[in-house]
């Protein structure tokens, strides 16, 4: 996705230079291309930033974390079994 944003920003840069150098070329077509590619490039950049922010807010659970959690649950159940066995 970042590559797509980079491509649109490169097209934006080229079309902006052409728009400023030849303002009446292609019946002001370079101006429209500049607006479109700039909008798409900046929009994709914002989406990337928002997705990075969402990733940092949600914790990542790995297989090791799941193993640790499972091990803790087993220890708790073993302690309960020992306590119940000692009460009899």
PDB file of N, CA and C in Angstrom:
ATOM      1  N   UNK A   1       0.822  -1.182   0.000  1.00  0.00           N
ATOM      2  CA  UNK A   1       0.000   0.000   0.000  1.00  0.00           C
ATOM      3  C   UNK A   1       0.876   1.260   0.000  1.00  0.00           C
ATOM      4  N   UNK A   2       1.986   1.171   0.698  1.00  0.00           N
ATOM      5  CA  UNK A   2       2.907   2.310   0.729  1.00  0.00           C
ATOM      6  C   UNK A   2       3.517   2.537  -0.652  1.00  0.00           C
ATOM      7  N   UNK A   3       3.721   1.472  -1.398  1.00  0.00           N
ATOM      8  CA  UNK A   3       4.275   1.608  -2.745  1.00  0.00           C
ATOM      9  C   UNK A   3       3.286   2.325  -3.650  1.00  0.00           C
ATOM     10  N   UNK A   4       2.010   2.018  -3.503  1.00  0.00           N
ATOM     11  CA  UNK A   4       0.971   2.689  -4.299  1.00  0.00           C
ATOM     12  C   UNK A   4       0.954   4.179  -3.975  1.00  0.00           C
ATOM     13  N   UNK A   5       1.041   4.517  -2.682  1.00  0.00           N
ATOM     14  CA  UNK A   5       1.080   5.929  -2.290  1.00  0.00           C
ATOM     15  C   UNK A   5       2.313   6.615  -2.862  1.00  0.00           C
ATOM     16  N   UNK A   6       3.438   5.924  -2.862  1.00  0.00           N
ATOM     17  CA  UNK A   6       4.666   6.495  -3.412  1.00  0.00           C
ATOM     18  C   UNK A   6       4.528   6.744  -4.914  1.00  0.00           C
ATOM     19  N   UNK A   7       3.919   5.817  -5.615  1.00  0.00           N
ATOM     20  CA  UNK A   7       3.719   5.990  -7.061  1.00  0.00           C
ATOM     21  C   UNK A   7       2.814   7.183  -7.341  1.00  0.00           C
ATOM     22  N   UNK A   8       1.711   7.295  -6.590  1.00  0.00           N
ATOM     23  CA  UNK A   8       0.812   8.424  -6.804  1.00  0.00           C
ATOM     24  C   UNK A   8       1.489   9.750  -6.461  1.00  0.00           C
ATOM     25  N   UNK A   9       2.321   9.767  -5.441  1.00  0.00           N
ATOM     26  CA  UNK A   9       3.008  11.006  -5.098  1.00  0.00           C
ATOM     27  C   UNK A   9       4.057  11.357  -6.150  1.00  0.00           C
ATOM     28  N   UNK A  10       4.677  10.355  -6.778  1.00  0.00           N
ATOM     29  CA  UNK A  10       5.628  10.626  -7.863  1.00  0.00           C
ATOM     30  C   UNK A  10       4.882  11.199  -9.077  1.00  0.00           C
ATOM     31  N   UNK A  11       3.733  10.615  -9.401  1.00  0.00           N
ATOM     32  CA  UNK A  11       2.925  11.147 -10.515  1.00  0.00           C
ATOM     33  C   UNK A  11       2.461  12.559 -10.182  1.00  0.00           C
ATOM     34  N   UNK A  12       2.097  12.790  -8.919  1.00  0.00           N
ATOM     35  CA  UNK A  12       1.684  14.120  -8.479  1.00  0.00           C
ATOM     36  C   UNK A  12       2.806  15.131  -8.689  1.00  0.00           C
ATOM     37  N   UNK A  13       4.025  14.755  -8.327  1.00  0.00           N
ATOM     38  CA  UNK A  13       5.156  15.670  -8.464  1.00  0.00           C
ATOM     39  C   UNK A  13       5.410  16.027  -9.922  1.00  0.00           C
ATOM     40  N   UNK A  14       5.395  15.031 -10.787  1.00  0.00           N
ATOM     41  CA  UNK A  14       5.631  15.272 -12.213  1.00  0.00           C
ATOM     42  C   UNK A  14       4.511  16.117 -12.803  1.00  0.00           C
ATOM     43  N   UNK A  15       3.271  15.790 -12.484  1.00  0.00           N
ATOM     44  CA  UNK A  15       2.152  16.554 -13.049  1.00  0.00           C
ATOM     45  C   UNK A  15       2.113  17.980 -12.496  1.00  0.00           C
ATOM     46  N   UNK A  16       2.542  18.172 -11.238  1.00  0.00           N
ATOM     47  CA  UNK A  16       2.588  19.535 -10.683  1.00  0.00           C
ATOM     48  C   UNK A  16       3.621  20.381 -11.413  1.00  0.00           C
ATOM     49  N   UNK A  17       4.776  19.794 -11.687  1.00  0.00           N
ATOM     50  CA  UNK A  17       5.815  20.527 -12.424  1.00  0.00           C
ATOM     51  C   UNK A  17       5.313  20.876 -13.828  1.00  0.00           C
ATOM     52  N   UNK A  18       4.660  19.916 -14.490  1.00  0.00           N
ATOM     53  CA  UNK A  18       4.131  20.185 -15.827  1.00  0.00           C
ATOM     54  C   UNK A  18       3.000  21.209 -15.782  1.00  0.00           C
ATOM     55  N   UNK A  19       2.198  21.152 -14.751  1.00  0.00           N
ATOM     56  CA  UNK A  19       1.101  22.108 -14.610  1.00  0.00           C
ATOM     57  C   UNK A  19       1.638  23.525 -14.415  1.00  0.00           C
ATOM     58  N   UNK A  20       2.704  23.657 -13.643  1.00  0.00           N
ATOM     59  CA  UNK A  20       3.279  24.981 -13.420  1.00  0.00           C
ATOM     60  C   UNK A  20       4.080  25.463 -14.627  1.00  0.00           C
ATOM     61  N   UNK A  21       4.727  24.547 -15.345  1.00  0.00           N
ATOM     62  CA  UNK A  21       5.541  24.928 -16.507  1.00  0.00           C
ATOM     63  C   UNK A  21       4.673  25.223 -17.730  1.00  0.00           C
ATOM     64  N   UNK A  22       3.656  24.412 -17.952  1.00  0.00           N
ATOM     65  CA  UNK A  22       2.780  24.561 -19.124  1.00  0.00           C
ATOM     66  C   UNK A  22       1.316  24.618 -18.660  1.00  0.00           C
ATOM     67  N   UNK A  23       0.871  25.738 -18.155  1.00  0.00           N
ATOM     68  CA  UNK A  23      -0.457  25.780 -17.547  1.00  0.00           C
ATOM     69  C   UNK A  23      -1.614  25.521 -18.519  1.00  0.00           C
ATOM     70  N   UNK A  24      -1.458  25.815 -19.793  1.00  0.00           N
ATOM     71  CA  UNK A  24      -2.566  25.622 -20.734  1.00  0.00           C
ATOM     72  C   UNK A  24      -2.443  24.338 -21.539  1.00  0.00           C
ATOM     73  N   UNK A  25      -1.435  23.522 -21.263  1.00  0.00           N
ATOM     74  CA  UNK A  25      -1.253  22.276 -22.010  1.00  0.00           C
ATOM     75  C   UNK A  25      -2.383  21.306 -21.688  1.00  0.00           C
ATOM     76  N   UNK A  26      -2.793  20.568 -22.690  1.00  0.00           N
ATOM     77  CA  UNK A  26      -3.866  19.578 -22.576  1.00  0.00           C
ATOM     78  C   UNK A  26      -5.154  20.206 -22.026  1.00  0.00           C
ATOM     79  N   UNK A  27      -5.360  21.482 -22.352  1.00  0.00           N
ATOM     80  CA  UNK A  27      -6.572  22.178 -21.933  1.00  0.00           C
ATOM     81  C   UNK A  27      -6.735  22.122 -20.412  1.00  0.00           C
ATOM     82  N   UNK A  28      -5.655  22.432 -19.710  1.00  0.00           N
ATOM     83  CA  UNK A  28      -5.565  22.402 -18.242  1.00  0.00           C
ATOM     84  C   UNK A  28      -5.695  20.988 -17.677  1.00  0.00           C
ATOM     85  N   UNK A  29      -5.366  20.004 -18.469  1.00  0.00           N
ATOM     86  CA  UNK A  29      -5.467  18.618 -18.031  1.00  0.00           C
ATOM     87  C   UNK A  29      -4.470  18.254 -16.947  1.00  0.00           C
ATOM     88  N   UNK A  30      -3.276  18.860 -16.994  1.00  0.00           N
ATOM     89  CA  UNK A  30      -2.283  18.553 -15.968  1.00  0.00           C
ATOM     90  C   UNK A  30      -2.750  19.026 -14.589  1.00  0.00           C
ATOM     91  N   UNK A  31      -3.527  20.077 -14.540  1.00  0.00           N
ATOM     92  CA  UNK A  31      -4.066  20.555 -13.269  1.00  0.00           C
ATOM     93  C   UNK A  31      -5.015  19.530 -12.662  1.00  0.00           C
ATOM     94  N   UNK A  32      -5.865  18.941 -13.500  1.00  0.00           N
ATOM     95  CA  UNK A  32      -6.794  17.923 -13.007  1.00  0.00           C
ATOM     96  C   UNK A  32      -6.048  16.658 -12.562  1.00  0.00           C
ATOM     97  N   UNK A  33      -5.038  16.295 -13.341  1.00  0.00           N
ATOM     98  CA  UNK A  33      -4.229  15.122 -12.969  1.00  0.00           C
ATOM     99  C   UNK A  33      -3.517  15.381 -11.647  1.00  0.00           C
ATOM    100  N   UNK A  34      -3.016  16.613 -11.474  1.00  0.00           N
ATOM    101  CA  UNK A  34      -2.338  16.974 -10.227  1.00  0.00           C
ATOM    102  C   UNK A  34      -3.284  16.876  -9.037  1.00  0.00           C
ATOM    103  N   UNK A  35      -4.478  17.413  -9.181  1.00  0.00           N
ATOM    104  CA  UNK A  35      -5.454  17.348  -8.091  1.00  0.00           C
ATOM    105  C   UNK A  35      -5.817  15.907  -7.749  1.00  0.00           C
ATOM    106  N   UNK A  36      -6.080  15.103  -8.774  1.00  0.00           N
ATOM    107  CA  UNK A  36      -6.501  13.723  -8.545  1.00  0.00           C
ATOM    108  C   UNK A  36      -5.403  12.899  -7.877  1.00  0.00           C
ATOM    109  N   UNK A  37      -4.193  12.953  -8.448  1.00  0.00           N
ATOM    110  CA  UNK A  37      -3.106  12.128  -7.899  1.00  0.00           C
ATOM    111  C   UNK A  37      -2.682  12.608  -6.510  1.00  0.00           C
ATOM    112  N   UNK A  38      -2.727  13.906  -6.282  1.00  0.00           N
ATOM    113  CA  UNK A  38      -2.402  14.426  -4.952  1.00  0.00           C
ATOM    114  C   UNK A  38      -3.414  13.967  -3.915  1.00  0.00           C
ATOM    115  N   UNK A  39      -4.684  14.016  -4.284  1.00  0.00           N
ATOM    116  CA  UNK A  39      -5.733  13.571  -3.364  1.00  0.00           C
ATOM    117  C   UNK A  39      -5.603  12.081  -3.059  1.00  0.00           C
ATOM    118  N   UNK A  40      -5.392  11.273  -4.074  1.00  0.00           N
ATOM    119  CA  UNK A  40      -5.274   9.824  -3.861  1.00  0.00           C
ATOM    120  C   UNK A  40      -4.020   9.499  -3.052  1.00  0.00           C
ATOM    121  N   UNK A  41      -2.899  10.127  -3.365  1.00  0.00           N
ATOM    122  CA  UNK A  41      -1.655   9.868  -2.643  1.00  0.00           C
ATOM    123  C   UNK A  41      -1.751  10.236  -1.174  1.00  0.00           C
ATOM    124  N   UNK A  42      -2.317  11.402  -0.883  1.00  0.00           N
ATOM    125  CA  UNK A  42      -2.462  11.828   0.507  1.00  0.00           C
ATOM    126  C   UNK A  42      -3.484  10.955   1.232  1.00  0.00           C
ATOM    127  N   UNK A  43      -4.541  10.555   0.553  1.00  0.00           N
ATOM    128  CA  UNK A  43      -5.547   9.683   1.169  1.00  0.00           C
ATOM    129  C   UNK A  43      -4.956   8.335   1.556  1.00  0.00           C
ATOM    130  N   UNK A  44      -4.167   7.751   0.674  1.00  0.00           N
ATOM    131  CA  UNK A  44      -3.534   6.465   0.973  1.00  0.00           C
ATOM    132  C   UNK A  44      -2.555   6.623   2.135  1.00  0.00           C
ATOM    133  N   UNK A  45      -1.838   7.748   2.176  1.00  0.00           N
ATOM    134  CA  UNK A  45      -0.921   8.013   3.281  1.00  0.00           C
ATOM    135  C   UNK A  45      -1.679   8.085   4.610  1.00  0.00           C
ATOM    136  N   UNK A  46      -2.819   8.764   4.619  1.00  0.00           N
ATOM    137  CA  UNK A  46      -3.627   8.871   5.845  1.00  0.00           C
ATOM    138  C   UNK A  46      -4.128   7.498   6.272  1.00  0.00           C
ATOM    139  N   UNK A  47      -4.552   6.675   5.315  1.00  0.00           N
ATOM    140  CA  UNK A  47      -5.024   5.328   5.636  1.00  0.00           C
ATOM    141  C   UNK A  47      -3.897   4.505   6.261  1.00  0.00           C
ATOM    142  N   UNK A  48      -2.701   4.627   5.735  1.00  0.00           N
ATOM    143  CA  UNK A  48      -1.558   3.897   6.282  1.00  0.00           C
ATOM    144  C   UNK A  48      -1.280   4.355   7.713  1.00  0.00           C
ATOM    145  N   UNK A  49      -1.302   5.650   7.956  1.00  0.00           N
ATOM    146  CA  UNK A  49      -1.052   6.163   9.300  1.00  0.00           C
ATOM    147  C   UNK A  49      -2.125   5.690  10.276  1.00  0.00           C
ATOM    148  N   UNK A  50      -3.385   5.707   9.854  1.00  0.00           N
ATOM    149  CA  UNK A  50      -4.460   5.259  10.732  1.00  0.00           C
ATOM    150  C   UNK A  50      -4.359   3.761  11.023  1.00  0.00           C
ATOM    151  N   UNK A  51      -3.953   2.978  10.043  1.00  0.00           N
ATOM    152  CA  UNK A  51      -3.820   1.548  10.282  1.00  0.00           C
ATOM    153  C   UNK A  51      -2.648   1.251  11.212  1.00  0.00           C
ATOM    154  N   UNK A  52      -1.570   2.027  11.132  1.00  0.00           N
ATOM    155  CA  UNK A  52      -0.452   1.860  12.059  1.00  0.00           C
ATOM    156  C   UNK A  52      -0.884   2.212  13.473  1.00  0.00           C
ATOM    157  N   UNK A  53      -1.684   3.256  13.609  1.00  0.00           N
ATOM    158  CA  UNK A  53      -2.158   3.663  14.926  1.00  0.00           C
ATOM    159  C   UNK A  53      -3.066   2.595  15.514  1.00  0.00           C
ATOM    160  N   UNK A  54      -3.888   1.966  14.684  1.00  0.00           N
ATOM    161  CA  UNK A  54      -4.778   0.907  15.157  1.00  0.00           C
ATOM    162  C   UNK A  54      -3.967  -0.312  15.593  1.00  0.00           C
ATOM    163  N   UNK A  55      -2.886  -0.611  14.891  1.00  0.00           N
ATOM    164  CA  UNK A  55      -2.049  -1.757  15.252  1.00  0.00           C
ATOM    165  C   UNK A  55      -1.363  -1.548  16.590  1.00  0.00           C
ATOM    166  N   UNK A  56      -0.977  -0.324  16.888  1.00  0.00           N
ATOM    167  CA  UNK A  56      -0.292  -0.081  18.150  1.00  0.00           C
ATOM    168  C   UNK A  56      -1.256  -0.126  19.332  1.00  0.00           C
ATOM    169  N   UNK A  57      -2.536   0.115  19.101  1.00  0.00           N
ATOM    170  CA  UNK A  57      -3.511   0.088  20.184  1.00  0.00           C
ATOM    171  C   UNK A  57      -3.937  -1.327  20.534  1.00  0.00           C
ATOM    172  N   UNK A  58      -3.906  -2.250  19.589  1.00  0.00           N
ATOM    173  CA  UNK A  58      -4.334  -3.620  19.849  1.00  0.00           C
ATOM    174  C   UNK A  58      -3.112  -4.470  20.173  1.00  0.00           C
ATOM    175  N   UNK A  59      -3.141  -5.206  21.264  1.00  0.00           N
ATOM    176  CA  UNK A  59      -1.990  -6.046  21.604  1.00  0.00           C
ATOM    177  C   UNK A  59      -1.917  -7.255  20.669  1.00  0.00           C
ATOM    178  N   UNK A  60      -0.711  -7.624  20.344  1.00  0.00           N
ATOM    179  CA  UNK A  60      -0.495  -8.790  19.497  1.00  0.00           C
ATOM    180  C   UNK A  60      -0.272 -10.010  20.376  1.00  0.00           C
ATOM    181  N   UNK A  61      -1.066 -11.038  20.173  1.00  0.00           N
ATOM    182  CA  UNK A  61      -0.919 -12.271  20.931  1.00  0.00           C
ATOM    183  C   UNK A  61      -0.196 -13.275  20.039  1.00  0.00           C
ATOM    184  N   UNK A  62       0.938 -13.725  20.504  1.00  0.00           N
ATOM    185  CA  UNK A  62       1.724 -14.684  19.736  1.00  0.00           C
ATOM    186  C   UNK A  62       1.451 -16.086  20.258  1.00  0.00           C
ATOM    187  N   UNK A  63       2.017 -17.058  19.581  1.00  0.00           N
ATOM    188  CA  UNK A  63       1.852 -18.452  20.001  1.00  0.00           C
ATOM    189  C   UNK A  63       2.480 -18.674  21.371  1.00  0.00           C
ATOM    190  N   UNK A  64       3.590 -17.976  21.649  1.00  0.00           N
ATOM    191  CA  UNK A  64       4.234 -18.102  22.960  1.00  0.00           C
ATOM    192  C   UNK A  64       3.317 -17.589  24.068  1.00  0.00           C
ATOM    193  N   UNK A  65       2.616 -16.472  23.790  1.00  0.00           N
ATOM    194  CA  UNK A  65       1.692 -15.933  24.788  1.00  0.00           C
ATOM    195  C   UNK A  65       0.562 -16.910  25.064  1.00  0.00           C
ATOM    196  N   UNK A  66       0.069 -17.544  24.016  1.00  0.00           N
ATOM    197  CA  UNK A  66      -1.014 -18.517  24.198  1.00  0.00           C
ATOM    198  C   UNK A  66      -0.523 -19.714  25.014  1.00  0.00           C
ATOM    199  N   UNK A  67       0.726 -20.149  24.767  1.00  0.00           N
ATOM    200  CA  UNK A  67       1.286 -21.261  25.533  1.00  0.00           C
ATOM    201  C   UNK A  67       1.421 -20.884  27.007  1.00  0.00           C
ATOM    202  N   UNK A  68       1.860 -19.660  27.255  1.00  0.00           N
ATOM    203  CA  UNK A  68       2.000 -19.213  28.639  1.00  0.00           C
ATOM    204  C   UNK A  68       0.649 -19.149  29.329  1.00  0.00           C
ATOM    205  N   UNK A  69      -0.354 -18.669  28.631  1.00  0.00           N
ATOM    206  CA  UNK A  69      -1.684 -18.583  29.216  1.00  0.00           C
ATOM    207  C   UNK A  69      -2.224 -19.973  29.511  1.00  0.00           C
ATOM    208  N   UNK A  70      -2.015 -20.884  28.579  1.00  0.00           N
ATOM    209  CA  UNK A  70      -2.484 -22.250  28.782  1.00  0.00           C
ATOM    210  C   UNK A  70      -1.781 -22.900  29.947  1.00  0.00           C
ATOM    211  N   UNK A  71      -0.492 -22.633  30.094  1.00  0.00           N
ATOM    212  CA  UNK A  71       0.267 -23.198  31.203  1.00  0.00           C
ATOM    213  C   UNK A  71      -0.218 -22.672  32.539  1.00  0.00           C
ATOM    214  N   UNK A  72      -0.567 -21.396  32.596  1.00  0.00           N
ATOM    215  CA  UNK A  72      -1.057 -20.819  33.845  1.00  0.00           C
ATOM    216  C   UNK A  72      -2.399 -21.425  34.229  1.00  0.00           C
ATOM    217  N   UNK A  73      -3.252 -21.640  33.247  1.00  0.00           N
ATOM    218  CA  UNK A  73      -4.556 -22.237  33.530  1.00  0.00           C
ATOM    219  C   UNK A  73      -4.399 -23.656  34.055  1.00  0.00           C
ATOM    220  N   UNK A  74      -3.437 -24.386  33.500  1.00  0.00           N
ATOM    221  CA  UNK A  74      -3.206 -25.754  33.961  1.00  0.00           C
ATOM    222  C   UNK A  74      -2.697 -25.749  35.401  1.00  0.00           C
ATOM    223  N   UNK A  75      -1.827 -24.800  35.738  1.00  0.00           N
ATOM    224  CA  UNK A  75      -1.312 -24.726  37.101  1.00  0.00           C
ATOM    225  C   UNK A  75      -2.429 -24.406  38.081  1.00  0.00           C
ATOM    226  N   UNK A  76      -3.312 -23.512  37.697  1.00  0.00           N
ATOM    227  CA  UNK A  76      -4.430 -23.151  38.571  1.00  0.00           C
ATOM    228  C   UNK A  76      -5.337 -24.350  38.791  1.00  0.00           C
ATOM    229  N   UNK A  77      -5.632 -25.092  37.720  1.00  0.00           N
ATOM    230  CA  UNK A  77      -6.508 -26.255  37.865  1.00  0.00           C
ATOM    231  C   UNK A  77      -5.823 -27.344  38.697  1.00  0.00           C
ATOM    232  N   UNK A  78      -4.493 -27.484  38.581  1.00  0.00           N
ATOM    233  CA  UNK A  78      -3.765 -28.462  39.392  1.00  0.00           C
ATOM    234  C   UNK A  78      -3.813 -28.079  40.873  1.00  0.00           C
ATOM    235  N   UNK A  79      -3.691 -26.777  41.170  1.00  0.00           N
ATOM    236  CA  UNK A  79      -3.762 -26.321  42.558  1.00  0.00           C
ATOM    237  C   UNK A  79      -5.144 -26.599  43.143  1.00  0.00           C
ATOM    238  N   UNK A  80      -6.181 -26.372  42.357  1.00  0.00           N
ATOM    239  CA  UNK A  80      -7.544 -26.629  42.818  1.00  0.00           C
ATOM    240  C   UNK A  80      -7.736 -28.114  43.100  1.00  0.00           C
ATOM    241  N   UNK A  81      -7.184 -28.956  42.220  1.00  0.00           N
ATOM    242  CA  UNK A  81      -7.299 -30.406  42.416  1.00  0.00           C
ATOM    243  C   UNK A  81      -6.577 -30.822  43.704  1.00  0.00           C
ATOM    244  N   UNK A  82      -5.406 -30.247  43.951  1.00  0.00           N
ATOM    245  CA  UNK A  82      -4.650 -30.574  45.156  1.00  0.00           C
ATOM    246  C   UNK A  82      -5.411 -30.143  46.415  1.00  0.00           C
ATOM    247  N   UNK A  83      -6.020 -28.948  46.343  1.00  0.00           N
ATOM    248  CA  UNK A  83      -6.755 -28.442  47.494  1.00  0.00           C
ATOM    249  C   UNK A  83      -7.983 -29.319  47.775  1.00  0.00           C
ATOM    250  N   UNK A  84      -8.666 -29.706  46.725  1.00  0.00           N
ATOM    251  CA  UNK A  84      -9.845 -30.555  46.882  1.00  0.00           C
ATOM    252  C   UNK A  84      -9.452 -31.931  47.378  1.00  0.00           C
ATOM    253  N   UNK A  85      -8.320 -32.420  46.917  1.00  0.00           N
ATOM    254  CA  UNK A  85      -7.848 -33.739  47.352  1.00  0.00           C
ATOM    255  C   UNK A  85      -7.422 -33.716  48.804  1.00  0.00           C
ATOM    256  N   UNK A  86      -6.862 -32.617  49.280  1.00  0.00           N
ATOM    257  CA  UNK A  86      -6.412 -32.496  50.654  1.00  0.00           C
ATOM    258  C   UNK A  86      -7.565 -32.355  51.619  1.00  0.00           C
ATOM    259  N   UNK A  87      -8.718 -31.883  51.178  1.00  0.00           N
ATOM    260  CA  UNK A  87      -9.872 -31.676  52.043  1.00  0.00           C
ATOM    261  C   UNK A  87     -10.575 -32.989  52.368  1.00  0.00           C
ATOM    262  N   UNK A  88     -10.426 -33.997  51.547  1.00  0.00           N
ATOM    263  CA  UNK A  88     -11.143 -35.265  51.771  1.00  0.00           C
ATOM    264  C   UNK A  88     -10.625 -36.018  52.891  1.00  0.00           C
TER     265      UNK A  88
END
